[in-house]
Amino acid sequence: MDTFIYNDMTFSVAASGTAWDILRQLPNDSTAVVGTGLFPGVAASDATARALALVKSIYPVGVRSVGPDVSHPMRIGNLRIVGPDVTHPNFIYWDKDSVSCPK
């Protein structure tokens, strides 16, 4: 079983027959199943890389901002986030310069 940490969450990749399971360690020391029976026939090192990519898409890092309420910005500490004046929800990614709908 291989473990990795993403966004302060601990995940583990465990073999399940010829496939792989992804588990998340919860703060109360229990586990939650993220996915089971994934990546059949893949080697352990490749399964960990694929699991990390899957976890990054399931648990994106950022802030969801729903427009068009531009008169009431959200606050996270001293950071003030003003949503764009649009009619659909947006997701603000920390690692990109633009605001766009998640795909």
C-alpha atoms as a PDB file:
ATOM      1  CA  MET A   1       0.000   0.000   0.000  1.00  0.00           C
ATOM      2  CA  ASP A   2       1.378   3.389  -1.050  1.00  0.00           C
ATOM      3  CA  THR A   3       0.297   6.680   0.583  1.00  0.00           C
ATOM      4  CA  PHE A   4       0.469  10.287  -0.567  1.00  0.00           C
ATOM      5  CA  ILE A   5      -0.720  13.637   0.790  1.00  0.00           C
ATOM      6  CA  TYR A   6      -2.674  16.093  -1.350  1.00  0.00           C
ATOM      7  CA  ASN A   7      -4.107  19.353   0.005  1.00  0.00           C
ATOM      8  CA  ASP A   8      -3.516  18.212   3.617  1.00  0.00           C
ATOM      9  CA  MET A   9      -5.493  15.005   3.017  1.00  0.00           C
ATOM     10  CA  THR A  10      -3.861  11.576   3.247  1.00  0.00           C
ATOM     11  CA  PHE A  11      -4.716   9.029   0.574  1.00  0.00           C
ATOM     12  CA  SER A  12      -3.576   5.449   0.110  1.00  0.00           C
ATOM     13  CA  VAL A  13      -3.492   3.199  -2.930  1.00  0.00           C
ATOM     14  CA  ALA A  14      -4.034  -0.478  -2.149  1.00  0.00           C
ATOM     15  CA  ALA A  15      -4.012  -3.507  -4.428  1.00  0.00           C
ATOM     16  CA  SER A  16      -7.359  -5.241  -4.859  1.00  0.00           C
ATOM     17  CA  GLY A  17      -6.812  -8.310  -6.999  1.00  0.00           C
ATOM     18  CA  THR A  18      -5.467  -7.023 -10.317  1.00  0.00           C
ATOM     19  CA  ALA A  19      -6.912  -3.528  -9.776  1.00  0.00           C
ATOM     20  CA  TRP A  20      -6.349  -0.736  -7.251  1.00  0.00           C
ATOM     21  CA  ASP A  21      -8.414   0.974  -4.547  1.00  0.00           C
ATOM     22  CA  ILE A  22      -7.972   4.587  -3.425  1.00  0.00           C
ATOM     23  CA  LEU A  23      -8.768   5.286   0.232  1.00  0.00           C
ATOM     24  CA  ARG A  24      -8.797   8.561   2.142  1.00  0.00           C
ATOM     25  CA  GLN A  25      -7.756   8.764   5.796  1.00  0.00           C
ATOM     26  CA  LEU A  26     -10.332  10.873   7.656  1.00  0.00           C
ATOM     27  CA  PRO A  27      -9.469  13.063  10.678  1.00  0.00           C
ATOM     28  CA  ASN A  28     -11.230  10.630  13.063  1.00  0.00           C
ATOM     29  CA  ASP A  29      -8.876   7.808  11.910  1.00  0.00           C
ATOM     30  CA  SER A  30     -11.527   6.094   9.807  1.00  0.00           C
ATOM     31  CA  THR A  31     -11.207   5.641   6.055  1.00  0.00           C
ATOM     32  CA  ALA A  32     -13.406   6.592   3.138  1.00  0.00           C
ATOM     33  CA  VAL A  33     -13.344   4.864  -0.230  1.00  0.00           C
ATOM     34  CA  VAL A  34     -12.548   7.276  -3.060  1.00  0.00           C
ATOM     35  CA  GLY A  35     -12.518   4.637  -5.787  1.00  0.00           C
ATOM     36  CA  THR A  36     -12.355   0.867  -6.090  1.00  0.00           C
ATOM     37  CA  GLY A  37     -11.374  -1.508  -8.862  1.00  0.00           C
ATOM     38  CA  LEU A  38      -9.390   1.206 -10.674  1.00  0.00           C
ATOM     39  CA  PHE A  39      -6.477   0.857 -13.109  1.00  0.00           C
ATOM     40  CA  PRO A  40      -6.600  -2.939 -13.671  1.00  0.00           C
ATOM     41  CA  GLY A  41      -3.270  -4.521 -14.591  1.00  0.00           C
ATOM     42  CA  VAL A  42      -1.220  -1.374 -13.867  1.00  0.00           C
ATOM     43  CA  ALA A  43       2.068  -1.477 -11.931  1.00  0.00           C
ATOM     44  CA  ALA A  44       2.226  -0.025  -8.406  1.00  0.00           C
ATOM     45  CA  SER A  45       4.268   3.073  -9.309  1.00  0.00           C
ATOM     46  CA  ASP A  46       1.990   3.923 -12.231  1.00  0.00           C
ATOM     47  CA  ALA A  47      -1.124   3.281 -10.106  1.00  0.00           C
ATOM     48  CA  THR A  48       0.065   5.854  -7.546  1.00  0.00           C
ATOM     49  CA  ALA A  49       0.648   8.465 -10.257  1.00  0.00           C
ATOM     50  CA  ARG A  50      -2.771   7.802 -11.778  1.00  0.00           C
ATOM     51  CA  ALA A  51      -4.410   7.892  -8.342  1.00  0.00           C
ATOM     52  CA  LEU A  52      -2.843  11.292  -7.623  1.00  0.00           C
ATOM     53  CA  ALA A  53      -4.138  12.651 -10.950  1.00  0.00           C
ATOM     54  CA  LEU A  54      -7.627  11.308 -10.191  1.00  0.00           C
ATOM     55  CA  VAL A  55      -7.615  12.746  -6.656  1.00  0.00           C
ATOM     56  CA  LYS A  56      -6.567  16.160  -8.010  1.00  0.00           C
ATOM     57  CA  SER A  57      -9.586  16.174 -10.316  1.00  0.00           C
ATOM     58  CA  ILE A  58     -12.000  14.973  -7.612  1.00  0.00           C
ATOM     59  CA  TYR A  59     -10.745  17.381  -4.927  1.00  0.00           C
ATOM     60  CA  PRO A  60      -9.750  20.582  -6.783  1.00  0.00           C
ATOM     61  CA  VAL A  61      -7.963  23.287  -4.816  1.00  0.00           C
ATOM     62  CA  GLY A  62      -9.589  26.700  -5.113  1.00  0.00           C
ATOM     63  CA  VAL A  63     -12.694  28.685  -4.223  1.00  0.00           C
ATOM     64  CA  ARG A  64     -16.091  28.424  -5.846  1.00  0.00           C
ATOM     65  CA  SER A  65     -17.583  31.809  -6.592  1.00  0.00           C
ATOM     66  CA  VAL A  66     -21.180  32.106  -7.787  1.00  0.00           C
ATOM     67  CA  GLY A  67     -22.004  35.295  -9.691  1.00  0.00           C
ATOM     68  CA  PRO A  68     -23.482  37.809 -10.323  1.00  0.00           C
ATOM     69  CA  ASP A  69     -23.318  39.020  -6.705  1.00  0.00           C
ATOM     70  CA  VAL A  70     -20.428  41.441  -7.182  1.00  0.00           C
ATOM     71  CA  SER A  71     -21.617  43.733  -4.377  1.00  0.00           C
ATOM     72  CA  HIS A  72     -20.957  41.117  -1.644  1.00  0.00           C
ATOM     73  CA  PRO A  73     -17.422  39.731  -2.021  1.00  0.00           C
ATOM     74  CA  MET A  74     -16.348  36.593  -0.187  1.00  0.00           C
ATOM     75  CA  ARG A  75     -13.554  36.879   2.372  1.00  0.00           C
ATOM     76  CA  ILE A  76     -10.962  34.300   3.267  1.00  0.00           C
ATOM     77  CA  GLY A  77      -8.798  35.918   5.897  1.00  0.00           C
ATOM     78  CA  ASN A  78      -7.547  39.168   4.349  1.00  0.00           C
ATOM     79  CA  LEU A  79      -8.178  37.872   0.825  1.00  0.00           C
ATOM     80  CA  ARG A  80     -11.220  39.487  -0.808  1.00  0.00           C
ATOM     81  CA  ILE A  81     -12.721  37.556  -3.711  1.00  0.00           C
ATOM     82  CA  VAL A  82     -15.173  39.401  -5.947  1.00  0.00           C
ATOM     83  CA  GLY A  83     -17.125  37.093  -8.196  1.00  0.00           C
ATOM     84  CA  PRO A  84     -17.429  37.879 -11.896  1.00  0.00           C
ATOM     85  CA  ASP A  85     -20.689  39.324 -13.167  1.00  0.00           C
ATOM     86  CA  VAL A  86     -21.965  36.187 -14.903  1.00  0.00           C
ATOM     87  CA  THR A  87     -25.001  33.934 -14.586  1.00  0.00           C
ATOM     88  CA  HIS A  88     -23.202  30.610 -14.051  1.00  0.00           C
ATOM     89  CA  PRO A  89     -20.951  29.364 -11.220  1.00  0.00           C
ATOM     90  CA  ASN A  90     -17.224  29.807 -11.619  1.00  0.00           C
ATOM     91  CA  PHE A  91     -14.238  28.185 -10.019  1.00  0.00           C
ATOM     92  CA  ILE A  92     -11.154  30.244  -9.202  1.00  0.00           C
ATOM     93  CA  TYR A  93      -8.040  28.088  -9.451  1.00  0.00           C
ATOM     94  CA  TRP A  94      -5.007  29.018  -7.382  1.00  0.00           C
ATOM     95  CA  ASP A  95      -2.578  27.865 -10.067  1.00  0.00           C
ATOM     96  CA  LYS A  96      -4.121  29.665 -13.085  1.00  0.00           C
ATOM     97  CA  ASP A  97      -4.514  33.301 -14.082  1.00  0.00           C
ATOM     98  CA  SER A  98      -8.052  32.993 -15.366  1.00  0.00           C
ATOM     99  CA  VAL A  99     -11.490  32.276 -13.998  1.00  0.00           C
ATOM    100  CA  SER A 100     -13.457  29.651 -15.882  1.00  0.00           C
ATOM    101  CA  CYS A 101     -16.105  26.994 -15.468  1.00  0.00           C
ATOM    102  CA  PRO A 102     -14.637  23.632 -14.478  1.00  0.00           C
ATOM    103  CA  LYS A 103     -14.645  21.041 -17.256  1.00  0.00           C
END
